[in-house]
Amino acid sequence: MPFSYKPLFKLLIDRDMKKTDLIPAIGMGPSTLAKFEKGGIISLDVLDRLCTYFDCQPNDILEHIKEGSSGVAKND
């Protein structure tokens, strides 16, 4: 997947939170948490709720990984 949520995971560590703490904190479902763990695509609504909750910018939550770098391969 082209996204990494490592910045979010670091933010959670800095705030002494677990990934599962996000479910009630921003009102997301467990399937969204699974998307974070797999580097999947999340909705802009979820991204907005995360940025509002943490008072941060999107680049503090996720990073884009170019295809072909860091072992990310494109499946045609």
Protein backbone atom coordinates (compact mmCIF):
# COMPACT_ATOMS: atom_id res chain seq x y z
CA MET A 1 0.00 0.00 0.00
CA PRO A 2 1.18 3.52 -0.70
CA PHE A 3 0.64 4.82 2.83
CA SER A 4 2.36 4.34 6.15
CA TYR A 5 0.81 5.27 9.47
CA LYS A 6 4.10 5.13 11.37
CA PRO A 7 3.76 8.83 12.29
CA LEU A 8 0.37 8.05 13.88
CA PHE A 9 1.81 5.10 15.79
CA LYS A 10 4.67 7.29 17.06
CA LEU A 11 2.15 9.95 18.09
CA LEU A 12 0.22 7.31 20.03
CA ILE A 13 3.39 6.21 21.83
CA ASP A 14 4.23 9.84 22.66
CA ARG A 15 0.71 10.29 24.10
CA ASP A 16 0.87 6.97 25.98
CA MET A 17 -2.09 5.60 24.02
CA LYS A 18 -2.85 2.22 22.48
CA LYS A 19 -4.14 1.81 18.94
CA THR A 20 -7.43 0.53 20.33
CA ASP A 21 -7.84 3.78 22.28
CA LEU A 22 -8.59 5.48 18.96
CA ILE A 23 -11.85 3.58 18.51
CA PRO A 24 -13.79 5.42 21.24
CA ALA A 25 -11.67 8.58 21.02
CA ILE A 26 -12.66 9.47 17.46
CA GLY A 27 -15.63 7.15 16.96
CA MET A 28 -14.10 4.87 14.37
CA GLY A 29 -14.73 1.18 13.80
CA PRO A 30 -12.35 -1.73 14.30
CA SER A 31 -12.12 -2.19 10.52
CA THR A 32 -10.53 1.27 10.24
CA LEU A 33 -7.96 0.26 12.85
CA ALA A 34 -7.16 -2.77 10.67
CA LYS A 35 -6.61 -0.42 7.71
CA PHE A 36 -4.03 1.50 9.74
CA GLU A 37 -2.18 -1.69 10.56
CA LYS A 38 -2.15 -2.79 6.90
CA GLY A 39 -1.30 0.63 5.46
CA GLY A 40 -4.71 0.82 3.81
CA ILE A 41 -6.56 3.86 2.58
CA ILE A 42 -8.74 5.70 5.11
CA SER A 43 -11.44 8.26 4.43
CA LEU A 44 -10.82 11.97 4.66
CA ASP A 45 -13.47 12.04 7.38
CA VAL A 46 -11.35 9.74 9.56
CA LEU A 47 -8.25 11.77 8.77
CA ASP A 48 -10.11 14.95 9.75
CA ARG A 49 -11.24 13.41 13.05
CA LEU A 50 -7.68 12.29 13.83
CA CYS A 51 -6.23 15.73 13.05
CA THR A 52 -8.92 17.41 15.15
CA TYR A 53 -8.41 15.02 18.06
CA PHE A 54 -4.62 15.34 18.07
CA ASP A 55 -4.60 19.01 16.93
CA CYS A 56 -2.17 18.20 14.15
CA GLN A 57 -1.74 18.16 10.38
CA PRO A 58 -2.22 15.13 8.06
CA ASN A 59 1.54 14.68 7.65
CA ASP A 60 1.68 14.08 11.41
CA ILE A 61 -0.63 11.07 10.89
CA LEU A 62 0.49 9.43 7.66
CA GLU A 63 3.17 9.45 5.01
CA HIS A 64 3.03 8.54 1.35
CA ILE A 65 5.44 5.91 0.12
CA LYS A 66 6.37 5.94 -3.56
CA GLU A 67 5.74 2.71 -5.38
CA GLY A 68 8.94 0.79 -5.86
CA SER A 69 10.56 2.18 -2.70
CA SER A 70 10.81 0.33 0.59
CA GLY A 71 9.72 -2.91 -1.00
CA VAL A 72 6.36 -1.60 -2.17
CA ALA A 73 5.49 -3.22 -5.47
CA LYS A 74 2.74 -2.38 -7.91
CA ASN A 75 0.39 -5.22 -8.79
CA ASP A 76 -0.99 -4.92 -12.32
